[in-house]
Amino acid sequence: MVTGFRRSISLPKPYRPESTPEKSYHVRSTSLPCTSHPLISQLKDHLNILKTWEAEPGSHTSAWLCAGLSRLKNVLDSLDDLLQLTQSQDSLHRQSHFIEKLLEHFLKFVDVYGIFRAVLLALKEEQLAAQVAIRSRRDELKISSYIKARKKMDKEILKLVSVVRDIGREKDYVSVSVSDSDTELVGILREVNLVTVGVSVAVFCGILGSRLTRNWMGLKFWKKKERGDEIREFRDAKMGDLRGLRKREEKEEEKLKIVLRRLEDLEDCIGRMEKESERVFRSLINTRVSLLNILTQ
């Protein structure tokens, strides 16, 4: 490229028509590319797929929530690949304030998903104990412990919703100024950040139920509307169903079987969500490490 550029400078002053194509070629070669890198296009594709997730049929089931987490992981992994490019690193290294703010947000995301996984694990243990209690001794203490665990889970996840929503509302992050040459990359990073906020809120509120989702996040690709109840597996294994088993007669054995089946469904649901949230958790860590390396290089 350097040799060609010198040839274009050493051209004689008189205008020669045959030299025009050569000069035009070298001007393009020394400027920024006009089209996005393939990894940027790939990341945009993953973002577009994720943006259609909220409106898909069959929403508010564990399968729907797990699909959202899986697609979020694809977005984060694609972003991490993009951050490995030298061009991306050079561009973002000039935006240290922006990267610092993004690192702060990703640290909060990592903490949120770490807590979320711990909450799911604790609930799973209490839920398994409740199944044993109902099948064998019908121990009211264990059933009460499960009911308390559900209440504790709601409180913990409510805190997570608040933390994640605050990330999307931070004005300092939105107002970061960037140069024209870095606009596309920075814009994509902002979009990934907002998508992570939106999916996380959807997952957490899907577990908690409609009472917490009426004031939706308001991201530009999601409509504000009143949501339905919590996902089926959490809704069906309600506390009231277990309370009703404390004074049970033989004629209620059929009801007992239904409750046990619902608890088993909840166990499977928690297992799937635990797996998908762990994958997102690891992708968040990897992406944050890549951002940190850019800032410290």
C-alpha atoms as a PDB file:
ATOM      1  CA  MET A   1       0.000   0.000   0.000  1.00  0.00           C
ATOM      2  CA  VAL A   2       2.848   2.393   0.866  1.00  0.00           C
ATOM      3  CA  THR A   3       4.557   1.830  -2.500  1.00  0.00           C
ATOM      4  CA  GLY A   4       1.367   2.598  -4.411  1.00  0.00           C
ATOM      5  CA  PHE A   5       0.776   5.714  -2.402  1.00  0.00           C
ATOM      6  CA  ARG A   6       4.236   7.047  -3.290  1.00  0.00           C
ATOM      7  CA  ARG A   7       3.602   6.397  -6.926  1.00  0.00           C
ATOM      8  CA  SER A   8       0.443   8.485  -6.763  1.00  0.00           C
ATOM      9  CA  ILE A   9       2.341  11.371  -5.172  1.00  0.00           C
ATOM     10  CA  SER A  10       5.141  11.240  -7.757  1.00  0.00           C
ATOM     11  CA  LEU A  11       2.820  11.647 -10.725  1.00  0.00           C
ATOM     12  CA  PRO A  12       3.726  14.631 -12.941  1.00  0.00           C
ATOM     13  CA  LYS A  13       1.604  17.720 -12.631  1.00  0.00           C
ATOM     14  CA  PRO A  14       0.123  17.647 -16.144  1.00  0.00           C
ATOM     15  CA  TYR A  15      -3.242  15.906 -16.191  1.00  0.00           C
ATOM     16  CA  ARG A  16      -3.166  12.454 -17.775  1.00  0.00           C
ATOM     17  CA  PRO A  17      -6.530  10.662 -18.167  1.00  0.00           C
ATOM     18  CA  GLU A  18      -4.997   7.191 -17.935  1.00  0.00           C
ATOM     19  CA  SER A  19      -3.695   7.915 -14.409  1.00  0.00           C
ATOM     20  CA  THR A  20      -7.139   8.719 -12.974  1.00  0.00           C
ATOM     21  CA  PRO A  21      -8.186   5.124 -12.187  1.00  0.00           C
ATOM     22  CA  GLU A  22      -4.867   4.462 -10.450  1.00  0.00           C
ATOM     23  CA  LYS A  23      -5.152   7.587  -8.297  1.00  0.00           C
ATOM     24  CA  SER A  24      -8.753   6.789  -7.400  1.00  0.00           C
ATOM     25  CA  TYR A  25      -7.759   3.278  -6.362  1.00  0.00           C
ATOM     26  CA  HIS A  26      -5.072   4.484  -3.938  1.00  0.00           C
ATOM     27  CA  VAL A  27      -7.349   7.044  -2.317  1.00  0.00           C
ATOM     28  CA  ARG A  28      -9.804   4.279  -1.431  1.00  0.00           C
ATOM     29  CA  SER A  29      -7.060   2.028  -0.106  1.00  0.00           C
ATOM     30  CA  THR A  30      -5.874   4.611   2.416  1.00  0.00           C
ATOM     31  CA  SER A  31      -9.319   5.403   3.818  1.00  0.00           C
ATOM     32  CA  LEU A  32     -11.557   3.520   6.247  1.00  0.00           C
ATOM     33  CA  PRO A  33     -13.565   0.677   4.649  1.00  0.00           C
ATOM     34  CA  CYS A  34     -16.990   1.719   3.397  1.00  0.00           C
ATOM     35  CA  THR A  35     -18.626  -1.581   4.326  1.00  0.00           C
ATOM     36  CA  SER A  36     -18.865  -3.295   7.693  1.00  0.00           C
ATOM     37  CA  HIS A  37     -16.524  -6.075   8.634  1.00  0.00           C
ATOM     38  CA  PRO A  38     -18.126  -9.552   8.308  1.00  0.00           C
ATOM     39  CA  LEU A  39     -18.036  -9.936  12.093  1.00  0.00           C
ATOM     40  CA  ILE A  40     -20.019  -6.719  12.458  1.00  0.00           C
ATOM     41  CA  SER A  41     -22.587  -8.036   9.993  1.00  0.00           C
ATOM     42  CA  GLN A  42     -22.739 -11.306  11.922  1.00  0.00           C
ATOM     43  CA  LEU A  43     -23.260  -9.465  15.189  1.00  0.00           C
ATOM     44  CA  LYS A  44     -26.028  -7.369  13.665  1.00  0.00           C
ATOM     45  CA  ASP A  45     -27.726 -10.556  12.461  1.00  0.00           C
ATOM     46  CA  HIS A  46     -27.650 -11.991  15.983  1.00  0.00           C
ATOM     47  CA  LEU A  47     -29.062  -8.729  17.334  1.00  0.00           C
ATOM     48  CA  ASN A  48     -31.902  -8.761  14.808  1.00  0.00           C
ATOM     49  CA  ILE A  49     -32.752 -12.357  15.702  1.00  0.00           C
ATOM     50  CA  LEU A  50     -32.850 -11.446  19.369  1.00  0.00           C
ATOM     51  CA  LYS A  51     -35.056  -8.433  18.723  1.00  0.00           C
ATOM     52  CA  THR A  52     -37.762 -10.681  17.278  1.00  0.00           C
ATOM     53  CA  TRP A  53     -37.693 -12.943  20.337  1.00  0.00           C
ATOM     54  CA  GLU A  54     -40.033 -10.875  22.533  1.00  0.00           C
ATOM     55  CA  ALA A  55     -42.893 -11.053  20.037  1.00  0.00           C
ATOM     56  CA  GLU A  56     -42.586 -14.765  19.273  1.00  0.00           C
ATOM     57  CA  PRO A  57     -45.549 -17.095  19.907  1.00  0.00           C
ATOM     58  CA  GLY A  58     -45.399 -19.159  23.053  1.00  0.00           C
ATOM     59  CA  SER A  59     -43.907 -16.389  25.173  1.00  0.00           C
ATOM     60  CA  HIS A  60     -43.834 -16.652  28.969  1.00  0.00           C
ATOM     61  CA  THR A  61     -42.737 -20.262  29.103  1.00  0.00           C
ATOM     62  CA  SER A  62     -39.426 -21.614  30.310  1.00  0.00           C
ATOM     63  CA  ALA A  63     -38.567 -22.580  26.729  1.00  0.00           C
ATOM     64  CA  TRP A  64     -39.133 -18.979  25.639  1.00  0.00           C
ATOM     65  CA  LEU A  65     -36.953 -17.565  28.415  1.00  0.00           C
ATOM     66  CA  CYS A  66     -34.192 -20.086  27.718  1.00  0.00           C
ATOM     67  CA  ALA A  67     -34.324 -19.183  24.018  1.00  0.00           C
ATOM     68  CA  GLY A  68     -33.807 -15.534  24.930  1.00  0.00           C
ATOM     69  CA  LEU A  69     -30.814 -16.373  27.102  1.00  0.00           C
ATOM     70  CA  SER A  70     -29.358 -18.573  24.363  1.00  0.00           C
ATOM     71  CA  ARG A  71     -29.676 -15.809  21.790  1.00  0.00           C
ATOM     72  CA  LEU A  72     -28.161 -13.312  24.196  1.00  0.00           C
ATOM     73  CA  LYS A  73     -25.174 -15.628  24.577  1.00  0.00           C
ATOM     74  CA  ASN A  74     -24.785 -15.698  20.775  1.00  0.00           C
ATOM     75  CA  VAL A  75     -24.751 -11.895  20.728  1.00  0.00           C
ATOM     76  CA  LEU A  76     -22.138 -11.707  23.472  1.00  0.00           C
ATOM     77  CA  ASP A  77     -19.929 -14.345  21.859  1.00  0.00           C
ATOM     78  CA  SER A  78     -20.143 -12.565  18.521  1.00  0.00           C
ATOM     79  CA  LEU A  79     -19.202  -9.294  20.213  1.00  0.00           C
ATOM     80  CA  ASP A  80     -16.226 -10.971  21.871  1.00  0.00           C
ATOM     81  CA  ASP A  81     -15.036 -12.185  18.467  1.00  0.00           C
ATOM     82  CA  LEU A  82     -15.336  -8.640  17.133  1.00  0.00           C
ATOM     83  CA  LEU A  83     -13.310  -7.290  20.039  1.00  0.00           C
ATOM     84  CA  GLN A  84     -10.396  -9.564  19.106  1.00  0.00           C
ATOM     85  CA  LEU A  85      -9.848  -7.650  15.852  1.00  0.00           C
ATOM     86  CA  THR A  86      -6.933  -5.239  15.819  1.00  0.00           C
ATOM     87  CA  GLN A  87      -9.095  -2.624  14.088  1.00  0.00           C
ATOM     88  CA  SER A  88     -11.697  -2.837  16.864  1.00  0.00           C
ATOM     89  CA  GLN A  89      -9.076  -2.610  19.583  1.00  0.00           C
ATOM     90  CA  ASP A  90      -7.432   0.432  17.989  1.00  0.00           C
ATOM     91  CA  SER A  91     -10.786   2.147  17.573  1.00  0.00           C
ATOM     92  CA  LEU A  92     -12.001   1.492  21.123  1.00  0.00           C
ATOM     93  CA  HIS A  93      -8.636   2.319  22.688  1.00  0.00           C
ATOM     94  CA  ARG A  94      -9.348   5.911  21.667  1.00  0.00           C
ATOM     95  CA  GLN A  95     -12.592   5.808  23.662  1.00  0.00           C
ATOM     96  CA  SER A  96     -11.248   5.102  27.134  1.00  0.00           C
ATOM     97  CA  HIS A  97     -14.106   6.859  28.972  1.00  0.00           C
ATOM     98  CA  PHE A  98     -16.663   4.891  26.986  1.00  0.00           C
ATOM     99  CA  ILE A  99     -14.889   1.573  27.684  1.00  0.00           C
ATOM    100  CA  GLU A 100     -14.611   2.371  31.388  1.00  0.00           C
ATOM    101  CA  LYS A 101     -18.353   2.936  31.587  1.00  0.00           C
ATOM    102  CA  LEU A 102     -19.034  -0.228  29.604  1.00  0.00           C
ATOM    103  CA  LEU A 103     -16.728  -2.211  31.902  1.00  0.00           C
ATOM    104  CA  GLU A 104     -18.697  -0.933  34.869  1.00  0.00           C
ATOM    105  CA  HIS A 105     -21.946  -2.114  33.283  1.00  0.00           C
ATOM    106  CA  PHE A 106     -20.574  -5.535  32.390  1.00  0.00           C
ATOM    107  CA  LEU A 107     -19.300  -5.976  35.932  1.00  0.00           C
ATOM    108  CA  LYS A 108     -22.846  -5.359  37.156  1.00  0.00           C
ATOM    109  CA  PHE A 109     -24.188  -7.838  34.595  1.00  0.00           C
ATOM    110  CA  VAL A 110     -21.707 -10.453  35.799  1.00  0.00           C
ATOM    111  CA  ASP A 111     -22.725  -9.859  39.426  1.00  0.00           C
ATOM    112  CA  VAL A 112     -26.425 -10.003  38.535  1.00  0.00           C
ATOM    113  CA  TYR A 113     -26.149 -13.310  36.709  1.00  0.00           C
ATOM    114  CA  GLY A 114     -23.941 -14.743  39.429  1.00  0.00           C
ATOM    115  CA  ILE A 115     -26.625 -13.920  42.019  1.00  0.00           C
ATOM    116  CA  PHE A 116     -29.375 -15.185  39.718  1.00  0.00           C
ATOM    117  CA  ARG A 117     -27.659 -18.559  39.360  1.00  0.00           C
ATOM    118  CA  ALA A 118     -27.189 -18.784  43.137  1.00  0.00           C
ATOM    119  CA  VAL A 119     -30.886 -18.010  43.684  1.00  0.00           C
ATOM    120  CA  LEU A 120     -31.923 -20.703  41.205  1.00  0.00           C
ATOM    121  CA  LEU A 121     -29.644 -23.239  42.870  1.00  0.00           C
ATOM    122  CA  ALA A 122     -31.018 -22.458  46.336  1.00  0.00           C
ATOM    123  CA  LEU A 123     -34.601 -22.702  45.085  1.00  0.00           C
ATOM    124  CA  LYS A 124     -33.827 -25.998  43.372  1.00  0.00           C
ATOM    125  CA  GLU A 125     -32.559 -27.494  46.615  1.00  0.00           C
ATOM    126  CA  GLU A 126     -35.641 -26.362  48.538  1.00  0.00           C
ATOM    127  CA  GLN A 127     -37.908 -27.607  45.781  1.00  0.00           C
ATOM    128  CA  LEU A 128     -36.305 -31.069  45.819  1.00  0.00           C
ATOM    129  CA  ALA A 129     -36.707 -31.200  49.598  1.00  0.00           C
ATOM    130  CA  ALA A 130     -40.386 -30.289  49.215  1.00  0.00           C
ATOM    131  CA  GLN A 131     -40.888 -33.147  46.758  1.00  0.00           C
ATOM    132  CA  VAL A 132     -39.379 -35.610  49.217  1.00  0.00           C
ATOM    133  CA  ALA A 133     -41.533 -34.241  52.040  1.00  0.00           C
ATOM    134  CA  ILE A 134     -44.730 -34.598  50.029  1.00  0.00           C
ATOM    135  CA  ARG A 135     -43.911 -38.097  48.767  1.00  0.00           C
ATOM    136  CA  SER A 136     -42.864 -39.546  52.121  1.00  0.00           C
ATOM    137  CA  ARG A 137     -43.513 -37.993  55.491  1.00  0.00           C
ATOM    138  CA  ARG A 138     -45.362 -34.962  54.178  1.00  0.00           C
ATOM    139  CA  ASP A 139     -43.167 -32.839  56.419  1.00  0.00           C
ATOM    140  CA  GLU A 140     -44.785 -29.438  56.900  1.00  0.00           C
ATOM    141  CA  LEU A 141     -41.463 -27.926  57.955  1.00  0.00           C
ATOM    142  CA  LYS A 142     -39.853 -28.679  54.606  1.00  0.00           C
ATOM    143  CA  ILE A 143     -42.901 -27.475  52.736  1.00  0.00           C
ATOM    144  CA  SER A 144     -42.809 -24.228  54.737  1.00  0.00           C
ATOM    145  CA  SER A 145     -39.109 -23.919  53.960  1.00  0.00           C
ATOM    146  CA  TYR A 146     -39.862 -24.164  50.236  1.00  0.00           C
ATOM    147  CA  ILE A 147     -42.577 -21.505  50.545  1.00  0.00           C
ATOM    148  CA  LYS A 148     -40.111 -19.199  52.294  1.00  0.00           C
ATOM    149  CA  ALA A 149     -37.542 -19.902  49.575  1.00  0.00           C
ATOM    150  CA  ARG A 150     -40.024 -18.800  46.914  1.00  0.00           C
ATOM    151  CA  LYS A 151     -40.627 -15.539  48.771  1.00  0.00           C
ATOM    152  CA  LYS A 152     -36.891 -14.982  49.187  1.00  0.00           C
ATOM    153  CA  MET A 153     -36.334 -15.668  45.493  1.00  0.00           C
ATOM    154  CA  ASP A 154     -38.929 -13.037  44.564  1.00  0.00           C
ATOM    155  CA  LYS A 155     -37.190 -10.440  46.722  1.00  0.00           C
ATOM    156  CA  GLU A 156     -33.741 -11.244  45.321  1.00  0.00           C
ATOM    157  CA  ILE A 157     -34.875 -11.185  41.711  1.00  0.00           C
ATOM    158  CA  LEU A 158     -36.749  -7.927  42.307  1.00  0.00           C
ATOM    159  CA  LYS A 159     -33.436  -6.396  43.373  1.00  0.00           C
ATOM    160  CA  LEU A 160     -31.788  -7.741  40.216  1.00  0.00           C
ATOM    161  CA  VAL A 161     -34.494  -6.166  38.063  1.00  0.00           C
ATOM    162  CA  SER A 162     -33.828  -2.816  39.720  1.00  0.00           C
ATOM    163  CA  VAL A 163     -30.056  -3.062  39.165  1.00  0.00           C
ATOM    164  CA  VAL A 164     -30.406  -4.015  35.499  1.00  0.00           C
ATOM    165  CA  ARG A 165     -32.958  -1.305  34.755  1.00  0.00           C
ATOM    166  CA  ASP A 166     -30.669   1.286  36.309  1.00  0.00           C
ATOM    167  CA  ILE A 167     -27.956   0.281  33.835  1.00  0.00           C
ATOM    168  CA  GLY A 168     -30.251   1.123  30.939  1.00  0.00           C
ATOM    169  CA  ARG A 169     -31.165   4.475  32.459  1.00  0.00           C
ATOM    170  CA  GLU A 170     -27.651   5.812  33.041  1.00  0.00           C
ATOM    171  CA  LYS A 171     -27.381   9.100  31.160  1.00  0.00           C
ATOM    172  CA  ASP A 172     -23.593   9.321  31.432  1.00  0.00           C
ATOM    173  CA  TYR A 173     -23.306   6.193  29.355  1.00  0.00           C
ATOM    174  CA  VAL A 174     -25.668   7.437  26.643  1.00  0.00           C
ATOM    175  CA  SER A 175     -24.022  10.857  26.373  1.00  0.00           C
ATOM    176  CA  VAL A 176     -20.502   9.591  25.702  1.00  0.00           C
ATOM    177  CA  SER A 177     -19.166  11.410  22.622  1.00  0.00           C
ATOM    178  CA  VAL A 178     -17.236   9.520  19.949  1.00  0.00           C
ATOM    179  CA  SER A 179     -15.482  10.397  16.740  1.00  0.00           C
ATOM    180  CA  ASP A 180     -17.154   9.780  13.395  1.00  0.00           C
ATOM    181  CA  SER A 181     -14.786   6.940  12.525  1.00  0.00           C
ATOM    182  CA  ASP A 182     -15.746   5.033  15.691  1.00  0.00           C
ATOM    183  CA  THR A 183     -19.490   5.666  15.524  1.00  0.00           C
ATOM    184  CA  GLU A 184     -20.528   2.289  14.088  1.00  0.00           C
ATOM    185  CA  LEU A 185     -18.583   0.167  16.548  1.00  0.00           C
ATOM    186  CA  VAL A 186     -19.566   2.239  19.569  1.00  0.00           C
ATOM    187  CA  GLY A 187     -23.192   2.220  18.432  1.00  0.00           C
ATOM    188  CA  ILE A 188     -23.161  -1.574  18.272  1.00  0.00           C
ATOM    189  CA  LEU A 189     -21.644  -1.812  21.747  1.00  0.00           C
ATOM    190  CA  ARG A 190     -24.359   0.451  23.091  1.00  0.00           C
ATOM    191  CA  GLU A 191     -26.993  -1.686  21.403  1.00  0.00           C
ATOM    192  CA  VAL A 192     -25.557  -4.889  22.879  1.00  0.00           C
ATOM    193  CA  ASN A 193     -25.618  -3.240  26.291  1.00  0.00           C
ATOM    194  CA  LEU A 194     -29.295  -2.280  25.927  1.00  0.00           C
ATOM    195  CA  VAL A 195     -30.230  -5.702  24.565  1.00  0.00           C
ATOM    196  CA  THR A 196     -28.575  -7.337  27.573  1.00  0.00           C
ATOM    197  CA  VAL A 197     -30.640  -5.074  29.803  1.00  0.00           C
ATOM    198  CA  GLY A 198     -33.860  -5.886  27.956  1.00  0.00           C
ATOM    199  CA  VAL A 199     -33.426  -9.653  27.869  1.00  0.00           C
ATOM    200  CA  SER A 200     -32.377  -9.771  31.518  1.00  0.00           C
ATOM    201  CA  VAL A 201     -35.419  -7.779  32.609  1.00  0.00           C
ATOM    202  CA  ALA A 202     -37.678 -10.025  30.513  1.00  0.00           C
ATOM    203  CA  VAL A 203     -36.238 -13.191  32.066  1.00  0.00           C
ATOM    204  CA  PHE A 204     -36.398 -11.945  35.647  1.00  0.00           C
ATOM    205  CA  CYS A 205     -39.884 -10.483  35.274  1.00  0.00           C
ATOM    206  CA  GLY A 206     -41.041 -13.637  33.535  1.00  0.00           C
ATOM    207  CA  ILE A 207     -40.301 -15.489  36.763  1.00  0.00           C
ATOM    208  CA  LEU A 208     -41.828 -12.855  39.022  1.00  0.00           C
ATOM    209  CA  GLY A 209     -45.058 -12.276  37.105  1.00  0.00           C
ATOM    210  CA  SER A 210     -47.084  -9.464  35.555  1.00  0.00           C
ATOM    211  CA  ARG A 211     -47.272  -7.280  38.644  1.00  0.00           C
ATOM    212  CA  LEU A 212     -43.661  -6.247  38.036  1.00  0.00           C
ATOM    213  CA  THR A 213     -43.686  -5.952  34.267  1.00  0.00           C
ATOM    214  CA  ARG A 214     -46.422  -3.439  33.586  1.00  0.00           C
ATOM    215  CA  ASN A 215     -43.842  -0.653  33.362  1.00  0.00           C
ATOM    216  CA  TRP A 216     -41.772  -2.278  30.647  1.00  0.00           C
ATOM    217  CA  MET A 217     -38.204  -1.268  29.971  1.00  0.00           C
ATOM    218  CA  GLY A 218     -39.223   0.787  26.955  1.00  0.00           C
ATOM    219  CA  LEU A 219     -36.373  -0.212  24.660  1.00  0.00           C
ATOM    220  CA  LYS A 220     -37.007   1.030  21.155  1.00  0.00           C
ATOM    221  CA  PHE A 221     -37.627  -2.435  19.731  1.00  0.00           C
ATOM    222  CA  TRP A 222     -39.971  -3.559  22.514  1.00  0.00           C
ATOM    223  CA  LYS A 223     -43.466  -2.182  22.926  1.00  0.00           C
ATOM    224  CA  LYS A 224     -44.760  -1.058  26.278  1.00  0.00           C
ATOM    225  CA  LYS A 225     -47.655  -3.263  27.248  1.00  0.00           C
ATOM    226  CA  GLU A 226     -49.060  -5.176  30.137  1.00  0.00           C
ATOM    227  CA  ARG A 227     -47.535  -8.616  30.264  1.00  0.00           C
ATOM    228  CA  GLY A 228     -49.124 -11.923  31.206  1.00  0.00           C
ATOM    229  CA  ASP A 229     -48.532 -13.965  34.336  1.00  0.00           C
ATOM    230  CA  GLU A 230     -45.240 -15.518  35.262  1.00  0.00           C
ATOM    231  CA  ILE A 231     -44.007 -18.467  33.238  1.00  0.00           C
ATOM    232  CA  ARG A 232     -46.127 -21.595  33.546  1.00  0.00           C
ATOM    233  CA  GLU A 233     -43.777 -23.746  35.618  1.00  0.00           C
ATOM    234  CA  PHE A 234     -43.403 -21.125  38.344  1.00  0.00           C
ATOM    235  CA  ARG A 235     -47.082 -20.234  38.226  1.00  0.00           C
ATOM    236  CA  ASP A 236     -48.310 -23.834  38.521  1.00  0.00           C
ATOM    237  CA  ALA A 237     -46.118 -24.659  41.526  1.00  0.00           C
ATOM    238  CA  LYS A 238     -47.650 -21.917  43.635  1.00  0.00           C
ATOM    239  CA  MET A 239     -47.400 -21.700  47.394  1.00  0.00           C
ATOM    240  CA  GLY A 240     -51.150 -22.090  47.793  1.00  0.00           C
ATOM    241  CA  ASP A 241     -51.091 -25.540  46.222  1.00  0.00           C
ATOM    242  CA  LEU A 242     -48.647 -26.738  48.863  1.00  0.00           C
ATOM    243  CA  ARG A 243     -50.507 -25.141  51.750  1.00  0.00           C
ATOM    244  CA  GLY A 244     -53.584 -27.040  50.715  1.00  0.00           C
ATOM    245  CA  LEU A 245     -51.738 -30.328  51.214  1.00  0.00           C
ATOM    246  CA  ARG A 246     -51.023 -29.822  54.882  1.00  0.00           C
ATOM    247  CA  LYS A 247     -54.404 -31.216  55.897  1.00  0.00           C
ATOM    248  CA  ARG A 248     -54.957 -33.763  53.241  1.00  0.00           C
ATOM    249  CA  GLU A 249     -57.418 -36.635  53.025  1.00  0.00           C
ATOM    250  CA  GLU A 250     -57.255 -39.738  50.881  1.00  0.00           C
ATOM    251  CA  LYS A 251     -59.633 -38.276  48.333  1.00  0.00           C
ATOM    252  CA  GLU A 252     -57.023 -35.595  47.590  1.00  0.00           C
ATOM    253  CA  GLU A 253     -54.419 -38.074  46.364  1.00  0.00           C
ATOM    254  CA  GLU A 254     -55.114 -37.041  42.788  1.00  0.00           C
ATOM    255  CA  LYS A 255     -54.393 -33.456  43.701  1.00  0.00           C
ATOM    256  CA  LEU A 256     -51.175 -34.618  45.324  1.00  0.00           C
ATOM    257  CA  LYS A 257     -50.061 -36.252  42.090  1.00  0.00           C
ATOM    258  CA  ILE A 258     -50.776 -33.046  40.178  1.00  0.00           C
ATOM    259  CA  VAL A 259     -48.710 -30.977  42.614  1.00  0.00           C
ATOM    260  CA  LEU A 260     -45.815 -33.425  42.434  1.00  0.00           C
ATOM    261  CA  ARG A 261     -45.897 -33.349  38.651  1.00  0.00           C
ATOM    262  CA  ARG A 262     -45.834 -29.559  38.723  1.00  0.00           C
ATOM    263  CA  LEU A 263     -42.893 -29.584  41.096  1.00  0.00           C
ATOM    264  CA  GLU A 264     -41.073 -31.951  38.759  1.00  0.00           C
ATOM    265  CA  ASP A 265     -41.799 -29.610  35.850  1.00  0.00           C
ATOM    266  CA  LEU A 266     -40.430 -26.747  37.920  1.00  0.00           C
ATOM    267  CA  GLU A 267     -37.309 -28.785  38.646  1.00  0.00           C
ATOM    268  CA  ASP A 268     -36.710 -29.277  34.918  1.00  0.00           C
ATOM    269  CA  CYS A 269     -37.417 -25.598  34.293  1.00  0.00           C
ATOM    270  CA  ILE A 270     -34.914 -24.468  36.916  1.00  0.00           C
ATOM    271  CA  GLY A 271     -32.316 -26.848  35.505  1.00  0.00           C
ATOM    272  CA  ARG A 272     -32.657 -25.442  31.988  1.00  0.00           C
ATOM    273  CA  MET A 273     -32.581 -21.844  33.169  1.00  0.00           C
ATOM    274  CA  GLU A 274     -29.594 -22.556  35.378  1.00  0.00           C
ATOM    275  CA  LYS A 275     -27.721 -23.988  32.388  1.00  0.00           C
ATOM    276  CA  GLU A 276     -28.541 -21.109  30.029  1.00  0.00           C
ATOM    277  CA  SER A 277     -27.854 -18.415  32.625  1.00  0.00           C
ATOM    278  CA  GLU A 278     -24.466 -19.990  33.342  1.00  0.00           C
ATOM    279  CA  ARG A 279     -23.600 -19.801  29.620  1.00  0.00           C
ATOM    280  CA  VAL A 280     -24.574 -16.112  29.580  1.00  0.00           C
ATOM    281  CA  PHE A 281     -22.578 -15.580  32.774  1.00  0.00           C
ATOM    282  CA  ARG A 282     -19.421 -17.013  31.191  1.00  0.00           C
ATOM    283  CA  SER A 283     -19.917 -15.023  27.979  1.00  0.00           C
ATOM    284  CA  LEU A 284     -20.286 -11.831  30.012  1.00  0.00           C
ATOM    285  CA  ILE A 285     -17.015 -12.569  31.796  1.00  0.00           C
ATOM    286  CA  ASN A 286     -15.195 -13.271  28.524  1.00  0.00           C
ATOM    287  CA  THR A 287     -16.488 -10.073  26.926  1.00  0.00           C
ATOM    288  CA  ARG A 288     -15.548  -8.002  29.944  1.00  0.00           C
ATOM    289  CA  VAL A 289     -12.025  -9.453  29.928  1.00  0.00           C
ATOM    290  CA  SER A 290     -11.680  -8.490  26.257  1.00  0.00           C
ATOM    291  CA  LEU A 291     -12.834  -4.943  27.026  1.00  0.00           C
ATOM    292  CA  LEU A 292     -10.416  -4.728  29.945  1.00  0.00           C
ATOM    293  CA  ASN A 293      -7.551  -5.845  27.725  1.00  0.00           C
ATOM    294  CA  ILE A 294      -8.385  -3.092  25.242  1.00  0.00           C
ATOM    295  CA  LEU A 295      -8.361  -0.479  27.986  1.00  0.00           C
ATOM    296  CA  THR A 296      -5.041  -1.630  29.457  1.00  0.00           C
ATOM    297  CA  GLN A 297      -3.124  -2.389  26.258  1.00  0.00           C
END
